[in-house]
Every structure is written in C-alpha cells, then in structure tokens.
C-alpha cells in the first residue's frame, strides 16, 4: 500500500487540483498511519476496521487534537476509497468509521485597535524602505481581502495593474473568486507597484528575466514563500 501512496497523491493533484500544501498534509498523515502499521506488523492491504480504529485510539493516546485526528481519518478514508476504486482492495475498511468531530469553540479575533497596531508594525519591519512598504502592503491586502497566505504571495502582478477595486483570485481546486480592495489597500498596492517595477527594471538591465508575480523573489517558485 505504501507503493501506491505516490499514485494516490498524483491522482489527487490531477483530479481534485489539490494544492501543494494539501498534498503534503496527505503525505504526512498517511506516512504516519503506514508507519504505525509497520511498527505493529500490520499489512495495510489486509487491514480491517478494528485495526484502523486501534490506530485512531493510539492517536488519541498521544494527545493529538480532535482536528488532527479528524484530518488523519479523512486521509485514511480517501486512501482506502482510492484503493477500492483501483481494485487494490476488494473493500473499504474505513468506510463506516466515524470521526472524533471537531471542537466548536468560537474563533479568536483581534480588536480594531490591535489590527491597526498590527498594520503599523508591519510597515516598520524590513531591511529598507523597499521591504517595509512590501510588508505593509502584504498585511493590508490580507486584512482587506481575507486571502489565504499562499494565494497572496503567488498573486500575479497582472492582477494588480490598472488600480483595480477588486482582485481575481485563483483558489483551492483551481476555483476563481473576486475579492474587494479597501482604499488603503489600493493606495499601498500602487505605491508598491512603483518600487517593484523599478526593481524589476534594474534586474532586466542585468539580464535577469522579468517576474510575473506581484511579490517576486529569487526563490525556486519565483515568489515569496
């Protein structure tokens, strides 16, 4: 079954358009499960429902949070559904296992004053005016739009051209959505574009290729991590 983990992840990436972080989470959770199977001498391809329940009990004994245990069970369920559909197994032993549920505590929120201080602090962090403006722009865009961090750092610069009032975001599973920009976010975005484009022009004069990202770096991905 471990040999089929790569195929399972490839299928998720192709069919569901799962993001890199999602695939890495699947891999971590399933490797934990397969490692437990190996430690206890269980063959995953012959595992039964009681064995999977025993694994979940061991996760509880480790003190793992409900959300972590629910996520691991979800990964196991999808893994065995894949094995059943690909005829690696003749049944799905995880099909009828109920998860631990998730805690329903109310989310913690920042006060208006705390948000203001956070945004101001972001503009004070950096090795120069270029980085300080970039950091303030990043935080202001997060606050204005509610984007995921991954969506923000991988945003193409074309999306920000023309002083837009809205941004078109490519989210999980390749789904698009439109998010609004506040006046402060629009102002900082235009200020950042001036510095960004000047830096890009300087890089081009040195023979470096232009970046298509709003927040470019020299990383392998081409944008901030």
C-alpha atoms as a PDB file:
ATOM      1  CA  UNK A   1       0.000   0.000   0.000  1.00  0.00           C
ATOM      2  CA  UNK A   2       2.906   2.394   0.610  1.00  0.00           C
ATOM      3  CA  UNK A   3       3.930   1.880  -3.014  1.00  0.00           C
ATOM      4  CA  UNK A   4       0.508   3.214  -4.016  1.00  0.00           C
ATOM      5  CA  UNK A   5       0.845   6.375  -1.946  1.00  0.00           C
ATOM      6  CA  UNK A   6       2.583   8.201  -4.797  1.00  0.00           C
ATOM      7  CA  UNK A   7      -0.167   7.225  -7.206  1.00  0.00           C
ATOM      8  CA  UNK A   8      -2.816   8.353  -4.727  1.00  0.00           C
ATOM      9  CA  UNK A   9      -1.166  11.780  -4.393  1.00  0.00           C
ATOM     10  CA  UNK A  10      -0.778  12.103  -8.165  1.00  0.00           C
ATOM     11  CA  UNK A  11      -4.461  11.299  -8.594  1.00  0.00           C
ATOM     12  CA  UNK A  12      -5.441  13.916  -6.010  1.00  0.00           C
ATOM     13  CA  UNK A  13      -3.291  16.511  -7.749  1.00  0.00           C
ATOM     14  CA  UNK A  14      -4.743  15.700 -11.165  1.00  0.00           C
ATOM     15  CA  UNK A  15      -8.413  15.115 -10.382  1.00  0.00           C
ATOM     16  CA  UNK A  16      -9.053  17.453  -7.475  1.00  0.00           C
ATOM     17  CA  UNK A  17      -6.441  20.088  -8.257  1.00  0.00           C
ATOM     18  CA  UNK A  18      -5.153  19.799  -4.713  1.00  0.00           C
ATOM     19  CA  UNK A  19      -2.642  22.458  -3.679  1.00  0.00           C
ATOM     20  CA  UNK A  20       0.935  21.586  -2.730  1.00  0.00           C
ATOM     21  CA  UNK A  21       0.246  22.170   0.979  1.00  0.00           C
ATOM     22  CA  UNK A  22      -2.786  19.859   0.831  1.00  0.00           C
ATOM     23  CA  UNK A  23      -0.788  17.091  -0.851  1.00  0.00           C
ATOM     24  CA  UNK A  24       1.997  17.455   1.724  1.00  0.00           C
ATOM     25  CA  UNK A  25      -0.592  17.128   4.517  1.00  0.00           C
ATOM     26  CA  UNK A  26      -1.971  13.940   2.922  1.00  0.00           C
ATOM     27  CA  UNK A  27       1.561  12.548   2.665  1.00  0.00           C
ATOM     28  CA  UNK A  28       2.396  13.332   6.321  1.00  0.00           C
ATOM     29  CA  UNK A  29      -0.834  11.857   7.663  1.00  0.00           C
ATOM     30  CA  UNK A  30      -0.672   8.699   5.561  1.00  0.00           C
ATOM     31  CA  UNK A  31       3.019   8.124   6.267  1.00  0.00           C
ATOM     32  CA  UNK A  32       2.195   8.346   9.971  1.00  0.00           C
ATOM     33  CA  UNK A  33      -0.532   5.740   9.506  1.00  0.00           C
ATOM     34  CA  UNK A  34       1.652   3.447   7.392  1.00  0.00           C
ATOM     35  CA  UNK A  35       4.495   3.817   9.883  1.00  0.00           C
ATOM     36  CA  UNK A  36       2.140   2.725  12.674  1.00  0.00           C
ATOM     37  CA  UNK A  37       1.089  -0.282  10.580  1.00  0.00           C
ATOM     38  CA  UNK A  38       4.701  -1.285  10.044  1.00  0.00           C
ATOM     39  CA  UNK A  39       5.552  -0.887  13.727  1.00  0.00           C
ATOM     40  CA  UNK A  40       2.669  -3.170  14.735  1.00  0.00           C
ATOM     41  CA  UNK A  41       3.248  -5.693  11.962  1.00  0.00           C
ATOM     42  CA  UNK A  42       0.024  -4.884  10.106  1.00  0.00           C
ATOM     43  CA  UNK A  43      -0.191  -5.170   6.330  1.00  0.00           C
ATOM     44  CA  UNK A  44      -2.249  -2.150   5.177  1.00  0.00           C
ATOM     45  CA  UNK A  45      -3.638  -4.072   2.205  1.00  0.00           C
ATOM     46  CA  UNK A  46      -5.217  -6.584   4.623  1.00  0.00           C
ATOM     47  CA  UNK A  47      -6.112  -4.173   7.419  1.00  0.00           C
ATOM     48  CA  UNK A  48      -9.611  -4.300   8.879  1.00  0.00           C
ATOM     49  CA  UNK A  49     -11.867  -1.740  10.513  1.00  0.00           C
ATOM     50  CA  UNK A  50     -10.770  -2.674  14.089  1.00  0.00           C
ATOM     51  CA  UNK A  51      -7.133  -2.056  13.155  1.00  0.00           C
ATOM     52  CA  UNK A  52      -7.848   1.436  11.832  1.00  0.00           C
ATOM     53  CA  UNK A  53      -9.852   2.177  14.967  1.00  0.00           C
ATOM     54  CA  UNK A  54      -6.876   0.991  17.037  1.00  0.00           C
ATOM     55  CA  UNK A  55      -4.666   3.478  15.168  1.00  0.00           C
ATOM     56  CA  UNK A  56      -7.105   6.294  15.919  1.00  0.00           C
ATOM     57  CA  UNK A  57      -7.142   5.290  19.605  1.00  0.00           C
ATOM     58  CA  UNK A  58      -3.340   5.466  19.620  1.00  0.00           C
ATOM     59  CA  UNK A  59      -3.548   8.974  18.129  1.00  0.00           C
ATOM     60  CA  UNK A  60      -5.902   9.948  20.949  1.00  0.00           C
ATOM     61  CA  UNK A  61      -3.489   8.451  23.494  1.00  0.00           C
ATOM     62  CA  UNK A  62      -0.714  10.618  22.043  1.00  0.00           C
ATOM     63  CA  UNK A  63      -2.788  13.638  22.942  1.00  0.00           C
ATOM     64  CA  UNK A  64      -3.411  14.733  19.354  1.00  0.00           C
ATOM     65  CA  UNK A  65      -6.132  17.337  18.911  1.00  0.00           C
ATOM     66  CA  UNK A  66      -9.557  16.361  17.594  1.00  0.00           C
ATOM     67  CA  UNK A  67      -8.920  18.327  14.417  1.00  0.00           C
ATOM     68  CA  UNK A  68      -5.673  16.404  13.787  1.00  0.00           C
ATOM     69  CA  UNK A  69      -7.348  13.031  14.360  1.00  0.00           C
ATOM     70  CA  UNK A  70     -10.264  14.002  12.118  1.00  0.00           C
ATOM     71  CA  UNK A  71      -7.864  15.054   9.372  1.00  0.00           C
ATOM     72  CA  UNK A  72      -5.896  11.805   9.613  1.00  0.00           C
ATOM     73  CA  UNK A  73      -9.059   9.728   9.422  1.00  0.00           C
ATOM     74  CA  UNK A  74     -10.188  11.731   6.404  1.00  0.00           C
ATOM     75  CA  UNK A  75      -6.871  10.979   4.667  1.00  0.00           C
ATOM     76  CA  UNK A  76      -7.197   7.258   5.508  1.00  0.00           C
ATOM     77  CA  UNK A  77     -10.772   7.156   4.208  1.00  0.00           C
ATOM     78  CA  UNK A  78      -9.779   8.735   0.922  1.00  0.00           C
ATOM     79  CA  UNK A  79      -6.722   6.483   0.648  1.00  0.00           C
ATOM     80  CA  UNK A  80      -8.784   3.304   1.028  1.00  0.00           C
ATOM     81  CA  UNK A  81     -11.510   4.616  -1.258  1.00  0.00           C
ATOM     82  CA  UNK A  82      -8.781   5.097  -3.870  1.00  0.00           C
ATOM     83  CA  UNK A  83      -7.508   1.552  -3.203  1.00  0.00           C
ATOM     84  CA  UNK A  84     -11.050   0.174  -3.600  1.00  0.00           C
ATOM     85  CA  UNK A  85     -11.723   2.085  -6.817  1.00  0.00           C
ATOM     86  CA  UNK A  86      -8.368   0.970  -8.262  1.00  0.00           C
ATOM     87  CA  UNK A  87      -9.138  -2.625  -7.177  1.00  0.00           C
ATOM     88  CA  UNK A  88      -6.100  -2.835  -4.924  1.00  0.00           C
ATOM     89  CA  UNK A  89      -8.578  -3.957  -2.266  1.00  0.00           C
ATOM     90  CA  UNK A  90     -11.976  -5.548  -2.599  1.00  0.00           C
ATOM     91  CA  UNK A  91     -13.445  -3.438   0.199  1.00  0.00           C
ATOM     92  CA  UNK A  92     -13.007  -0.153   2.030  1.00  0.00           C
ATOM     93  CA  UNK A  93     -12.351  -0.906   5.727  1.00  0.00           C
ATOM     94  CA  UNK A  94     -12.544   2.774   6.696  1.00  0.00           C
ATOM     95  CA  UNK A  95     -15.938   3.404   5.131  1.00  0.00           C
ATOM     96  CA  UNK A  96     -18.081   3.182   8.282  1.00  0.00           C
ATOM     97  CA  UNK A  97     -15.650   4.652  10.816  1.00  0.00           C
ATOM     98  CA  UNK A  98     -16.920   7.829  12.456  1.00  0.00           C
ATOM     99  CA  UNK A  99     -14.510  10.629  13.180  1.00  0.00           C
ATOM    100  CA  UNK A 100     -13.990  12.378  16.534  1.00  0.00           C
ATOM    101  CA  UNK A 101     -15.670  15.542  15.294  1.00  0.00           C
ATOM    102  CA  UNK A 102     -14.229  18.997  15.598  1.00  0.00           C
ATOM    103  CA  UNK A 103     -14.218  21.348  18.563  1.00  0.00           C
ATOM    104  CA  UNK A 104     -16.709  24.167  18.126  1.00  0.00           C
ATOM    105  CA  UNK A 105     -15.017  26.878  20.135  1.00  0.00           C
ATOM    106  CA  UNK A 106     -15.606  30.397  18.869  1.00  0.00           C
ATOM    107  CA  UNK A 107     -12.679  31.799  16.848  1.00  0.00           C
ATOM    108  CA  UNK A 108     -10.381  34.335  18.461  1.00  0.00           C
ATOM    109  CA  UNK A 109     -10.481  37.758  16.820  1.00  0.00           C
ATOM    110  CA  UNK A 110      -8.406  40.930  17.032  1.00  0.00           C
ATOM    111  CA  UNK A 111      -9.844  44.216  18.198  1.00  0.00           C
ATOM    112  CA  UNK A 112      -9.866  47.196  15.833  1.00  0.00           C
ATOM    113  CA  UNK A 113      -7.021  48.738  17.809  1.00  0.00           C
ATOM    114  CA  UNK A 114      -4.978  45.525  17.595  1.00  0.00           C
ATOM    115  CA  UNK A 115      -5.492  45.360  13.828  1.00  0.00           C
ATOM    116  CA  UNK A 116      -4.338  48.959  13.495  1.00  0.00           C
ATOM    117  CA  UNK A 117      -1.198  48.284  15.534  1.00  0.00           C
ATOM    118  CA  UNK A 118      -0.513  45.121  13.517  1.00  0.00           C
ATOM    119  CA  UNK A 119      -0.677  47.012  10.226  1.00  0.00           C
ATOM    120  CA  UNK A 120       1.515  49.820  11.554  1.00  0.00           C
ATOM    121  CA  UNK A 121       4.055  47.325  12.887  1.00  0.00           C
ATOM    122  CA  UNK A 122       4.259  45.574   9.521  1.00  0.00           C
ATOM    123  CA  UNK A 123       5.395  48.850   7.952  1.00  0.00           C
ATOM    124  CA  UNK A 124       8.228  49.125  10.469  1.00  0.00           C
ATOM    125  CA  UNK A 125       9.744  45.717   9.721  1.00  0.00           C
ATOM    126  CA  UNK A 126      12.306  45.295   6.956  1.00  0.00           C
ATOM    127  CA  UNK A 127      15.877  45.982   5.900  1.00  0.00           C
ATOM    128  CA  UNK A 128      14.953  49.102   3.959  1.00  0.00           C
ATOM    129  CA  UNK A 129      12.119  51.205   2.558  1.00  0.00           C
ATOM    130  CA  UNK A 130      11.506  48.599  -0.159  1.00  0.00           C
ATOM    131  CA  UNK A 131      10.895  45.755   2.301  1.00  0.00           C
ATOM    132  CA  UNK A 132       8.943  47.903   4.759  1.00  0.00           C
ATOM    133  CA  UNK A 133       6.499  49.006   2.065  1.00  0.00           C
ATOM    134  CA  UNK A 134       6.219  45.439   0.779  1.00  0.00           C
ATOM    135  CA  UNK A 135       5.429  44.105   4.257  1.00  0.00           C
ATOM    136  CA  UNK A 136       2.817  46.791   4.922  1.00  0.00           C
ATOM    137  CA  UNK A 137       1.234  46.082   1.534  1.00  0.00           C
ATOM    138  CA  UNK A 138       1.151  42.341   2.247  1.00  0.00           C
ATOM    139  CA  UNK A 139      -0.596  42.785   5.581  1.00  0.00           C
ATOM    140  CA  UNK A 140      -3.032  45.389   4.244  1.00  0.00           C
ATOM    141  CA  UNK A 141      -4.011  43.083   1.371  1.00  0.00           C
ATOM    142  CA  UNK A 142      -4.531  40.162   3.765  1.00  0.00           C
ATOM    143  CA  UNK A 143      -6.704  42.301   6.001  1.00  0.00           C
ATOM    144  CA  UNK A 144      -8.731  43.802   3.149  1.00  0.00           C
ATOM    145  CA  UNK A 145      -9.368  40.623   1.170  1.00  0.00           C
ATOM    146  CA  UNK A 146      -9.224  37.626   3.510  1.00  0.00           C
ATOM    147  CA  UNK A 147      -6.975  35.833   1.019  1.00  0.00           C
ATOM    148  CA  UNK A 148      -5.054  32.753   2.075  1.00  0.00           C
ATOM    149  CA  UNK A 149      -1.351  33.484   2.502  1.00  0.00           C
ATOM    150  CA  UNK A 150      -0.470  31.126  -0.356  1.00  0.00           C
ATOM    151  CA  UNK A 151      -2.902  32.934  -2.647  1.00  0.00           C
ATOM    152  CA  UNK A 152      -1.416  36.297  -1.732  1.00  0.00           C
ATOM    153  CA  UNK A 153       2.265  35.512  -2.213  1.00  0.00           C
ATOM    154  CA  UNK A 154       1.608  33.775  -5.549  1.00  0.00           C
ATOM    155  CA  UNK A 155      -0.591  36.573  -6.909  1.00  0.00           C
ATOM    156  CA  UNK A 156       0.375  37.533 -10.494  1.00  0.00           C
ATOM    157  CA  UNK A 157       1.316  41.179 -10.981  1.00  0.00           C
ATOM    158  CA  UNK A 158      -1.141  41.409 -13.877  1.00  0.00           C
ATOM    159  CA  UNK A 159      -3.994  41.120 -11.361  1.00  0.00           C
ATOM    160  CA  UNK A 160      -2.921  44.381  -9.717  1.00  0.00           C
ATOM    161  CA  UNK A 161      -2.479  46.557 -12.805  1.00  0.00           C
ATOM    162  CA  UNK A 162      -4.797  49.471 -13.512  1.00  0.00           C
ATOM    163  CA  UNK A 163      -5.658  50.397  -9.898  1.00  0.00           C
ATOM    164  CA  UNK A 164      -8.369  47.723  -9.541  1.00  0.00           C
ATOM    165  CA  UNK A 165     -11.137  47.859  -6.940  1.00  0.00           C
ATOM    166  CA  UNK A 166     -11.285  44.046  -6.920  1.00  0.00           C
ATOM    167  CA  UNK A 167      -8.795  41.222  -7.387  1.00  0.00           C
ATOM    168  CA  UNK A 168      -9.447  37.949  -9.197  1.00  0.00           C
ATOM    169  CA  UNK A 169      -8.025  35.137  -7.057  1.00  0.00           C
ATOM    170  CA  UNK A 170      -7.245  31.565  -8.057  1.00  0.00           C
ATOM    171  CA  UNK A 171      -8.087  29.488  -5.005  1.00  0.00           C
ATOM    172  CA  UNK A 172      -8.144  25.826  -3.996  1.00  0.00           C
ATOM    173  CA  UNK A 173      -9.023  23.360  -6.703  1.00  0.00           C
ATOM    174  CA  UNK A 174      -8.455  25.989  -9.396  1.00  0.00           C
ATOM    175  CA  UNK A 175     -11.627  27.864  -8.384  1.00  0.00           C
ATOM    176  CA  UNK A 176     -11.721  31.587  -9.059  1.00  0.00           C
ATOM    177  CA  UNK A 177     -13.307  34.241  -6.857  1.00  0.00           C
ATOM    178  CA  UNK A 178     -13.351  38.026  -6.659  1.00  0.00           C
ATOM    179  CA  UNK A 179     -12.254  39.881  -3.507  1.00  0.00           C
ATOM    180  CA  UNK A 180     -12.647  43.626  -2.811  1.00  0.00           C
ATOM    181  CA  UNK A 181      -9.844  46.061  -2.042  1.00  0.00           C
ATOM    182  CA  UNK A 182     -10.125  48.763   0.600  1.00  0.00           C
ATOM    183  CA  UNK A 183      -8.964  52.329  -0.246  1.00  0.00           C
ATOM    184  CA  UNK A 184      -5.881  51.874   1.974  1.00  0.00           C
ATOM    185  CA  UNK A 185      -5.014  48.585   0.253  1.00  0.00           C
ATOM    186  CA  UNK A 186      -5.382  50.173  -3.187  1.00  0.00           C
ATOM    187  CA  UNK A 187      -3.113  53.072  -2.224  1.00  0.00           C
ATOM    188  CA  UNK A 188      -0.392  50.823  -0.817  1.00  0.00           C
ATOM    189  CA  UNK A 189      -0.686  48.483  -3.785  1.00  0.00           C
ATOM    190  CA  UNK A 190       0.015  51.301  -6.239  1.00  0.00           C
ATOM    191  CA  UNK A 191       2.942  52.546  -4.130  1.00  0.00           C
ATOM    192  CA  UNK A 192       4.349  49.023  -4.021  1.00  0.00           C
ATOM    193  CA  UNK A 193       3.996  48.610  -7.798  1.00  0.00           C
ATOM    194  CA  UNK A 194       6.171  51.685  -8.362  1.00  0.00           C
ATOM    195  CA  UNK A 195       9.004  50.251  -6.225  1.00  0.00           C
ATOM    196  CA  UNK A 196       8.511  46.712  -7.541  1.00  0.00           C
ATOM    197  CA  UNK A 197       8.605  47.771 -11.191  1.00  0.00           C
ATOM    198  CA  UNK A 198      11.698  49.904 -10.619  1.00  0.00           C
ATOM    199  CA  UNK A 199      13.476  46.925  -9.024  1.00  0.00           C
ATOM    200  CA  UNK A 200      12.372  44.684 -11.896  1.00  0.00           C
ATOM    201  CA  UNK A 201      13.673  47.184 -14.454  1.00  0.00           C
ATOM    202  CA  UNK A 202      17.019  47.184 -12.680  1.00  0.00           C
ATOM    203  CA  UNK A 203      17.090  43.388 -12.800  1.00  0.00           C
ATOM    204  CA  UNK A 204      16.304  43.391 -16.526  1.00  0.00           C
ATOM    205  CA  UNK A 205      19.256  45.671 -17.243  1.00  0.00           C
ATOM    206  CA  UNK A 206      21.414  42.965 -15.641  1.00  0.00           C
ATOM    207  CA  UNK A 207      19.997  40.303 -17.954  1.00  0.00           C
ATOM    208  CA  UNK A 208      17.563  38.765 -15.470  1.00  0.00           C
ATOM    209  CA  UNK A 209      14.134  37.627 -16.638  1.00  0.00           C
ATOM    210  CA  UNK A 210      11.105  39.620 -15.568  1.00  0.00           C
ATOM    211  CA  UNK A 211       8.907  38.096 -12.867  1.00  0.00           C
ATOM    212  CA  UNK A 212       5.178  37.565 -13.354  1.00  0.00           C
ATOM    213  CA  UNK A 213       4.488  37.768  -9.610  1.00  0.00           C
ATOM    214  CA  UNK A 214       3.391  40.752  -7.564  1.00  0.00           C
ATOM    215  CA  UNK A 215       5.850  39.836  -4.799  1.00  0.00           C
ATOM    216  CA  UNK A 216       8.835  38.349  -6.669  1.00  0.00           C
ATOM    217  CA  UNK A 217      11.890  36.744  -5.082  1.00  0.00           C
ATOM    218  CA  UNK A 218      14.831  34.639  -6.196  1.00  0.00           C
ATOM    219  CA  UNK A 219      13.244  31.518  -4.703  1.00  0.00           C
ATOM    220  CA  UNK A 220      12.633  28.406  -6.794  1.00  0.00           C
ATOM    221  CA  UNK A 221       8.923  29.238  -7.036  1.00  0.00           C
ATOM    222  CA  UNK A 222       9.706  32.790  -8.157  1.00  0.00           C
ATOM    223  CA  UNK A 223       7.602  34.409  -5.435  1.00  0.00           C
ATOM    224  CA  UNK A 224       7.682  34.797  -1.654  1.00  0.00           C
ATOM    225  CA  UNK A 225       7.330  31.571   0.332  1.00  0.00           C
END
